[in-house]
Amino acid sequence: MIRKLFFGLVGVGMLAAAPAFAQSSATSGDASNNPTIANAAVASQTASAASTATVGIVSGAAGGAVSGGLVGGGGGGFTPAGGGGAPSTGGGPQSFLNSRDAGRAGGAGDKRFGAWMQGAYSTVDNTQVGLQFDGSVYNLVGGLDYMVNDKVVVGVALGYEMLDITTSFNAGSIEADGFGVTPYIGISLTNAWSLDAAAGYTWLSYDTKRNTNITASYDAERWFVASNLTGNYASGRWRLMPKVGVLYLEEESDAYRDSTGGSLEGSVTKLGRISAGGRVGYAFDSVMPYFKLMGEYDFEKNGSVRLGNGTFSHDDDMGGQVGIGFDFYGSNTLSGNVEASYNSLGRTDLDIWTTSARLRVKF
C-alpha cells in the first residue's frame, strides 16, 4: 500500500523505482546458494540505477517546464531567474524545458504543448568479495505535457527499462524488462522556485539464472511517488540551481518455481531516499555547461544479506552523485540536454556510471 509521505518543504516524495526479486521459502544459506538472498542483494544495489534514471527524467520534464528561463540576474549577486523576466543581455539560452521563455514575443509563447524523449544508459559494478556482479541498465522515456497556464504544467510519460546483470558470485545472471506509465505535474511557486511531483506504475518481467543452469522467470509490479523542489538563480551568466527531493517506491514480485521444481515465495523491495544539492552552470548564447553535486540519505531500504564468505553485504545509508552536462537551446521550439554522472559517490565497493541525452519539441 502507498505510504503517506511528508509534504513539508520538499513535497510528497521523489521516487525511484527498484527492481524486485523473488524470495525463496528457504531461510538458510547465503548469497552463493540461496536465490532469495542473492536476488535481494543485487536488487538492493541496482535499484538506484534503474529508478534514479527514470525518476530524474520525469522530474526534469515536469520541473524544467515551469522552473523559468535563464533570464534576469544582476551582476551584484544571485537573484531569481524565473519565467516572466527579460532575456539576459547577450541572448543567453532559455531553460531547455521552459515554455515561458523569451521566445514568447516571437511566437513560441503560445506553444503550450511539449513532447520529449530521453534515453539513459548506466553501468553497475559491485566488487565486494562474495557479491561480485556487473552489468547494464537501460532507460527510455517519452512524454507529452500541456501548460495549463504560466504556472502549471501537466503531462504523462511512458517508459521502458531493461536490466542485464551478470552475477559472478553465484555463476548466474539477472535480466529484466518492463513498461511503465507516469503522470506528472510541475508548479511554479515563485520566480525562483518550482515544485514537481510524479506517481507511476511499472509492469516487469524477470529471468534469473544461478549455478550455471538453474533458471526461473517471474513477474513483478512497482509503484512509486516522486517530488522535487528546484531553485533557479542568476548572477550575470552564472546560474545556481539548488534542488531538494524525497523518494519512495515499493515493488512486489509474484511467487514462482525454478527449473528444479523448487517453490519460491514472492518478495517486496523498498527504497526511500532524501536528496539535496544542485547544479552550477554558465550560460553562453545557445548552451549552458554545468556541474552537478547531490547528496543522498536512504531512510528506508532492504537490509544487508549474508554472503558466502560469512560476511554481510554493505549497507550504506549515505551516498551521492557528481556529474557534468550541458543544456542546449537551438530555437524557440527545440531544446535538449546531455549529462554524464557518477551515481554511487560514497557507496562502498559499488560503481554506477550514467550517461543520458534528452530532446524536447514545443508545438
Protein backbone atom coordinates (compact mmCIF):
# COMPACT_ATOMS: atom_id res chain seq x y z
CA MET A 1 0.00 0.00 0.00
CA ILE A 2 1.09 3.51 -0.70
CA ARG A 3 2.51 5.15 2.38
CA LYS A 4 1.95 8.73 3.32
CA LEU A 5 4.93 10.90 2.67
CA PHE A 6 5.52 14.21 4.30
CA PHE A 7 4.86 17.23 2.14
CA GLY A 8 6.72 19.96 4.05
CA LEU A 9 9.35 21.86 2.20
CA VAL A 10 10.04 19.10 -0.28
CA GLY A 11 6.63 17.75 -1.19
CA VAL A 12 5.37 14.28 -1.46
CA GLY A 13 8.38 12.22 -2.38
CA MET A 14 10.88 11.91 -5.12
CA LEU A 15 10.73 8.41 -6.17
CA ALA A 16 12.79 5.95 -7.83
CA ALA A 17 11.92 2.50 -8.82
CA ALA A 18 13.80 -0.55 -7.70
CA PRO A 19 13.81 -3.99 -9.24
CA ALA A 20 12.11 -6.52 -7.01
CA PHE A 21 13.36 -10.06 -6.84
CA ALA A 22 11.64 -13.20 -5.63
CA GLN A 23 12.38 -14.78 -2.32
CA SER A 24 12.89 -18.46 -1.61
CA SER A 25 10.86 -20.25 1.01
CA ALA A 26 14.19 -21.37 2.43
CA THR A 27 15.57 -19.28 5.26
CA SER A 28 19.09 -20.70 5.47
CA GLY A 29 22.13 -20.29 3.30
CA ASP A 30 23.85 -17.27 1.81
CA ALA A 31 24.05 -15.33 -1.43
CA SER A 32 26.04 -18.06 -3.16
CA ASN A 33 23.41 -20.80 -2.73
CA ASN A 34 20.09 -19.16 -1.80
CA PRO A 35 18.27 -17.31 -4.62
CA THR A 36 16.30 -15.25 -2.12
CA ILE A 37 19.44 -13.82 -0.61
CA ALA A 38 21.25 -13.48 -3.94
CA ASN A 39 18.47 -11.60 -5.71
CA ALA A 40 17.77 -9.36 -2.73
CA ALA A 41 21.44 -8.43 -2.51
CA VAL A 42 21.65 -7.45 -6.16
CA ALA A 43 18.30 -5.64 -6.03
CA SER A 44 19.36 -3.51 -3.08
CA GLN A 45 22.30 -2.12 -5.06
CA THR A 46 20.98 -1.98 -8.62
CA ALA A 47 17.68 -0.38 -7.59
CA SER A 48 19.05 3.14 -7.62
CA ALA A 49 20.45 2.78 -11.16
CA ALA A 50 17.11 1.99 -12.81
CA SER A 51 14.96 4.11 -10.53
CA THR A 52 17.10 7.24 -10.35
CA ALA A 53 17.33 7.37 -14.13
CA THR A 54 13.57 7.07 -14.64
CA VAL A 55 12.66 9.46 -11.85
CA GLY A 56 15.26 12.03 -12.88
CA ILE A 57 13.98 12.01 -16.44
CA VAL A 58 10.34 12.60 -15.48
CA SER A 59 11.25 15.09 -12.77
CA GLY A 60 13.33 17.09 -15.23
CA ALA A 61 10.43 17.24 -17.64
CA ALA A 62 7.95 18.42 -15.02
CA GLY A 63 10.17 20.79 -13.06
CA GLY A 64 12.02 22.25 -16.01
CA ALA A 65 8.82 23.25 -17.76
CA VAL A 66 7.97 25.73 -15.02
CA SER A 67 11.35 26.48 -13.45
CA GLY A 68 11.89 29.60 -15.51
CA GLY A 69 14.27 30.52 -18.30
CA LEU A 70 17.86 31.57 -17.98
CA VAL A 71 16.85 35.19 -17.65
CA GLY A 72 17.31 38.12 -15.32
CA GLY A 73 20.17 38.08 -12.87
CA GLY A 74 22.09 41.18 -11.96
CA GLY A 75 25.82 41.46 -11.54
CA GLY A 76 25.72 42.07 -7.80
CA GLY A 77 24.71 38.62 -6.61
CA PHE A 78 22.42 35.72 -7.40
CA THR A 79 18.83 36.80 -7.97
CA PRO A 80 15.73 34.83 -9.07
CA ALA A 81 15.91 33.78 -12.73
CA GLY A 82 12.37 32.51 -13.14
CA GLY A 83 10.00 32.91 -16.05
CA GLY A 84 8.48 36.21 -16.88
CA GLY A 85 11.72 38.14 -16.73
CA ALA A 86 13.51 39.80 -19.58
CA PRO A 87 16.13 37.89 -21.53
CA SER A 88 19.66 38.30 -20.26
CA THR A 89 21.89 40.68 -22.16
CA GLY A 90 23.54 38.83 -24.98
CA GLY A 91 20.60 36.50 -25.60
CA GLY A 92 21.60 33.57 -23.40
CA PRO A 93 19.74 30.28 -23.76
CA GLN A 94 16.45 29.65 -22.04
CA SER A 95 15.79 26.71 -19.72
CA PHE A 96 15.57 23.72 -22.05
CA LEU A 97 12.16 22.68 -20.78
CA ASN A 98 10.77 26.14 -20.14
CA SER A 99 7.58 27.01 -22.02
CA ARG A 100 7.57 30.61 -20.78
CA ASP A 101 10.83 31.76 -22.35
CA ALA A 102 11.78 34.93 -24.15
CA GLY A 103 10.62 33.40 -27.44
CA ARG A 104 7.10 34.21 -26.31
CA ALA A 105 7.12 37.50 -28.16
CA GLY A 106 8.44 35.75 -31.23
CA GLY A 107 5.58 33.29 -31.39
CA ALA A 108 6.86 30.48 -29.15
CA GLY A 109 4.96 31.62 -26.08
CA ASP A 110 1.63 30.35 -27.40
CA LYS A 111 3.02 26.84 -27.87
CA ARG A 112 1.55 25.12 -24.83
CA PHE A 113 2.21 21.50 -25.79
CA GLY A 114 5.57 19.83 -25.36
CA ALA A 115 6.83 16.42 -26.49
CA TRP A 116 10.13 14.99 -25.24
CA MET A 117 12.21 11.84 -25.22
CA GLN A 118 15.24 10.86 -23.14
CA GLY A 119 17.46 7.82 -23.04
CA ALA A 120 19.83 6.81 -20.24
CA TYR A 121 22.49 4.11 -20.03
CA SER A 122 24.02 3.02 -16.72
CA THR A 123 26.81 0.59 -15.88
CA VAL A 124 26.83 -1.12 -12.49
CA ASP A 125 29.87 -2.83 -10.96
CA ASN A 126 29.95 -4.31 -7.45
CA THR A 127 33.35 -5.61 -6.30
CA GLN A 128 32.60 -6.77 -2.75
CA VAL A 129 34.04 -10.25 -2.19
CA GLY A 130 31.17 -12.73 -2.15
CA LEU A 131 28.85 -10.39 -4.08
CA GLN A 132 30.65 -9.61 -7.33
CA PHE A 133 28.32 -8.60 -10.14
CA ASP A 134 28.29 -6.18 -13.06
CA GLY A 135 26.09 -5.19 -15.95
CA SER A 136 23.97 -2.52 -17.60
CA VAL A 137 20.69 -0.70 -17.07
CA TYR A 138 18.83 0.94 -19.97
CA ASN A 139 16.01 3.51 -19.71
CA LEU A 140 13.97 5.10 -22.48
CA VAL A 141 11.22 7.54 -21.51
CA GLY A 142 9.00 9.79 -23.62
CA GLY A 143 6.32 12.22 -22.55
CA LEU A 144 3.70 14.74 -23.60
CA ASP A 145 2.68 17.73 -21.46
CA TYR A 146 0.49 20.81 -21.58
CA MET A 147 0.92 24.25 -20.00
CA VAL A 148 -2.42 24.86 -18.27
CA ASN A 149 -1.26 28.41 -17.54
CA ASP A 150 2.02 30.22 -16.94
CA LYS A 151 2.43 28.46 -13.58
CA VAL A 152 1.21 24.89 -14.07
CA VAL A 153 2.17 22.10 -16.48
CA VAL A 154 0.61 18.61 -16.52
CA GLY A 155 1.74 15.61 -18.51
CA VAL A 156 2.15 11.87 -18.81
CA ALA A 157 5.25 9.81 -19.58
CA LEU A 158 5.63 6.28 -20.93
CA GLY A 159 8.83 4.40 -20.23
CA TYR A 160 10.76 1.22 -20.99
CA GLU A 161 13.60 -0.16 -18.89
CA MET A 162 15.92 -3.14 -19.22
CA LEU A 163 18.33 -4.72 -16.73
CA ASP A 164 21.16 -7.07 -17.75
CA ILE A 165 23.36 -8.18 -14.82
CA THR A 166 25.96 -10.95 -14.60
CA THR A 167 26.12 -12.32 -11.03
CA SER A 168 29.61 -13.81 -10.81
CA PHE A 169 29.22 -14.75 -7.14
CA ASN A 170 26.67 -17.47 -7.96
CA ALA A 171 27.57 -18.21 -11.60
CA GLY A 172 24.35 -16.68 -12.82
CA SER A 173 22.55 -13.65 -14.20
CA ILE A 174 19.52 -11.43 -13.73
CA GLU A 175 17.66 -9.97 -16.69
CA ALA A 176 14.51 -7.86 -16.62
CA ASP A 177 12.46 -5.53 -18.75
CA GLY A 178 9.24 -3.63 -18.27
CA PHE A 179 6.93 -0.81 -19.28
CA GLY A 180 5.53 1.93 -17.09
CA VAL A 181 3.24 4.95 -17.10
CA THR A 182 3.89 8.10 -15.05
CA PRO A 183 1.58 11.13 -14.83
CA TYR A 184 3.31 14.27 -13.54
CA ILE A 185 2.76 17.91 -12.67
CA GLY A 186 5.01 20.96 -12.34
CA ILE A 187 4.07 24.11 -10.45
CA SER A 188 5.86 27.47 -10.45
CA LEU A 189 5.78 28.66 -6.84
CA THR A 190 7.78 31.88 -7.29
CA ASN A 191 10.15 33.38 -9.85
CA ALA A 192 12.93 31.36 -8.22
CA TRP A 193 11.31 28.10 -7.08
CA SER A 194 9.24 25.34 -8.68
CA LEU A 195 7.75 22.09 -7.42
CA ASP A 196 7.29 18.89 -9.41
CA ALA A 197 5.55 15.66 -8.43
CA ALA A 198 5.02 12.33 -10.17
CA ALA A 199 3.43 8.96 -9.47
CA GLY A 200 3.88 5.87 -11.61
CA TYR A 201 3.24 2.19 -12.11
CA THR A 202 5.51 -0.29 -13.91
CA TRP A 203 4.95 -3.89 -15.05
CA LEU A 204 8.12 -6.03 -15.11
CA SER A 205 9.24 -9.50 -16.19
CA TYR A 206 12.37 -11.18 -14.76
CA ASP A 207 14.57 -14.07 -15.89
CA THR A 208 17.21 -15.34 -13.47
CA LYS A 209 19.94 -17.98 -13.57
CA ARG A 210 22.26 -19.41 -10.90
CA ASN A 211 24.77 -22.22 -10.68
CA THR A 212 25.13 -22.02 -14.48
CA ASN A 213 21.89 -23.82 -15.41
CA ILE A 214 19.17 -23.33 -12.76
CA THR A 215 16.69 -20.85 -14.27
CA ALA A 216 13.50 -19.10 -13.22
CA SER A 217 11.07 -16.48 -14.53
CA TYR A 218 8.50 -14.35 -12.73
CA ASP A 219 6.57 -11.07 -12.95
CA ALA A 220 6.58 -8.02 -10.70
CA GLU A 221 4.75 -4.72 -10.33
CA ARG A 222 6.16 -1.47 -8.98
CA TRP A 223 4.55 1.76 -7.82
CA PHE A 224 6.30 4.96 -6.91
CA VAL A 225 5.82 8.61 -5.97
CA ALA A 226 8.32 11.42 -6.50
CA SER A 227 8.71 15.12 -5.81
CA ASN A 228 11.40 17.81 -6.04
CA LEU A 229 11.74 21.46 -5.06
CA THR A 230 14.06 23.25 -7.50
CA GLY A 231 15.50 26.77 -7.47
CA ASN A 232 16.80 28.93 -10.33
CA TYR A 233 19.08 31.90 -9.60
CA ALA A 234 21.30 34.02 -11.82
CA SER A 235 24.26 36.36 -11.46
CA GLY A 236 25.28 37.65 -14.85
CA ARG A 237 25.75 34.49 -16.90
CA TRP A 238 26.29 32.25 -13.87
CA ARG A 239 23.38 30.03 -12.86
CA LEU A 240 22.75 28.42 -9.46
CA MET A 241 20.05 25.71 -9.34
CA PRO A 242 19.60 24.20 -5.84
CA LYS A 243 17.42 21.10 -5.52
CA VAL A 244 15.93 19.02 -2.70
CA GLY A 245 13.74 15.95 -3.02
CA VAL A 246 12.38 12.82 -1.36
CA LEU A 247 11.52 9.48 -2.99
CA TYR A 248 9.68 6.30 -2.10
CA LEU A 249 8.99 3.09 -4.02
CA GLU A 250 7.74 -0.42 -3.46
CA GLU A 251 7.90 -3.34 -5.86
CA GLU A 252 6.18 -6.68 -5.33
CA SER A 253 7.10 -9.87 -7.20
CA ASP A 254 4.96 -12.97 -7.74
CA ALA A 255 5.69 -16.38 -6.29
CA TYR A 256 7.21 -18.84 -8.80
CA ARG A 257 9.02 -22.13 -9.36
CA ASP A 258 12.53 -22.54 -10.72
CA SER A 259 13.70 -25.15 -13.24
CA THR A 260 14.37 -27.69 -10.45
CA GLY A 261 10.72 -27.52 -9.39
CA GLY A 262 11.52 -25.66 -6.20
CA SER A 263 8.85 -23.28 -4.90
CA LEU A 264 9.88 -19.72 -4.18
CA GLU A 265 7.84 -17.03 -2.47
CA GLY A 266 7.25 -13.51 -3.70
CA SER A 267 9.03 -10.53 -2.18
CA VAL A 268 8.78 -6.78 -1.64
CA THR A 269 11.64 -4.39 -2.35
CA LYS A 270 11.52 -0.91 -0.80
CA LEU A 271 13.56 2.22 -1.23
CA GLY A 272 13.08 5.61 0.44
CA ARG A 273 15.60 8.37 -0.26
CA ILE A 274 16.06 12.06 0.54
CA SER A 275 18.40 14.04 -1.71
CA ALA A 276 19.77 17.57 -1.67
CA GLY A 277 22.27 19.50 -3.76
CA GLY A 278 22.05 21.20 -7.13
CA ARG A 279 23.79 22.45 -10.26
CA VAL A 280 26.07 25.37 -11.07
CA GLY A 281 26.23 26.47 -14.71
CA TYR A 282 27.49 29.20 -17.03
CA ALA A 283 25.18 30.34 -19.81
CA PHE A 284 26.59 31.00 -23.26
CA ASP A 285 24.40 32.15 -26.16
CA SER A 286 22.98 28.74 -27.00
CA VAL A 287 24.39 26.30 -24.44
CA MET A 288 24.88 26.09 -20.67
CA PRO A 289 27.52 23.68 -19.34
CA TYR A 290 27.09 22.80 -15.67
CA PHE A 291 28.47 20.85 -12.72
CA LYS A 292 26.12 18.77 -10.53
CA LEU A 293 26.52 17.53 -6.95
CA MET A 294 23.81 15.75 -4.94
CA GLY A 295 23.90 14.13 -1.50
CA GLU A 296 21.59 11.21 -0.62
CA TYR A 297 20.23 9.64 2.55
CA ASP A 298 18.32 6.35 2.38
CA PHE A 299 15.74 6.42 5.15
CA GLU A 300 14.21 3.06 4.20
CA LYS A 301 15.53 0.08 2.22
CA ASN A 302 16.06 -3.66 2.30
CA GLY A 303 18.80 -4.64 4.76
CA SER A 304 22.14 -6.32 4.20
CA VAL A 305 22.34 -10.05 3.45
CA ARG A 306 24.71 -12.86 4.38
CA LEU A 307 27.42 -13.65 1.84
CA GLY A 308 29.18 -16.91 1.08
CA ASN A 309 32.34 -15.90 2.93
CA GLY A 310 30.49 -15.43 6.22
CA THR A 311 30.31 -11.62 5.99
CA PHE A 312 27.36 -9.37 5.15
CA SER A 313 26.73 -7.09 2.19
CA HIS A 314 27.42 -3.39 2.60
CA ASP A 315 24.53 -1.33 3.93
CA ASP A 316 25.43 2.31 3.25
CA ASP A 317 22.78 4.83 4.28
CA MET A 318 24.61 7.79 2.72
CA GLY A 319 25.74 8.38 -0.85
CA GLY A 320 25.72 10.92 -3.62
CA GLN A 321 26.02 11.87 -7.28
CA VAL A 322 28.53 14.04 -9.11
CA GLY A 323 28.32 14.90 -12.78
CA ILE A 324 28.76 17.29 -15.68
CA GLY A 325 26.50 18.15 -18.58
CA PHE A 326 25.02 20.89 -20.68
CA ASP A 327 21.61 22.25 -21.63
CA PHE A 328 21.30 23.49 -25.19
CA TYR A 329 18.78 25.77 -26.82
CA GLY A 330 18.64 25.59 -30.61
CA SER A 331 15.44 27.51 -31.37
CA ASN A 332 12.12 28.63 -29.88
CA THR A 333 10.79 25.08 -30.24
CA LEU A 334 13.78 22.74 -29.99
CA SER A 335 16.00 22.19 -26.93
CA GLY A 336 17.78 19.41 -25.06
CA ASN A 337 20.27 18.15 -22.51
CA VAL A 338 23.29 15.81 -22.29
CA GLU A 339 24.75 14.59 -18.96
CA ALA A 340 27.31 12.13 -17.57
CA SER A 341 27.40 11.32 -13.84
CA TYR A 342 28.88 9.05 -11.19
CA ASN A 343 25.91 7.93 -9.07
CA SER A 344 27.49 5.90 -6.26
CA LEU A 345 29.62 8.50 -4.52
CA GLY A 346 30.43 7.16 -1.04
CA ARG A 347 28.86 3.73 -1.70
CA THR A 348 31.34 1.03 -0.65
CA ASP A 349 32.61 -1.29 -3.43
CA LEU A 350 29.94 -0.02 -5.83
CA ASP A 351 30.40 1.95 -9.06
CA ILE A 352 27.42 3.28 -11.03
CA TRP A 353 28.04 5.49 -14.08
CA THR A 354 25.19 7.03 -16.10
CA THR A 355 25.03 8.92 -19.38
CA SER A 356 21.82 10.43 -20.75
CA ALA A 357 20.50 12.61 -23.56
CA ARG A 358 17.18 14.41 -23.92
CA LEU A 359 15.41 16.25 -26.74
CA ARG A 360 12.27 18.39 -26.44
CA VAL A 361 9.97 19.99 -29.01
CA LYS A 362 7.25 22.57 -28.28
CA PHE A 363 4.22 22.92 -30.52
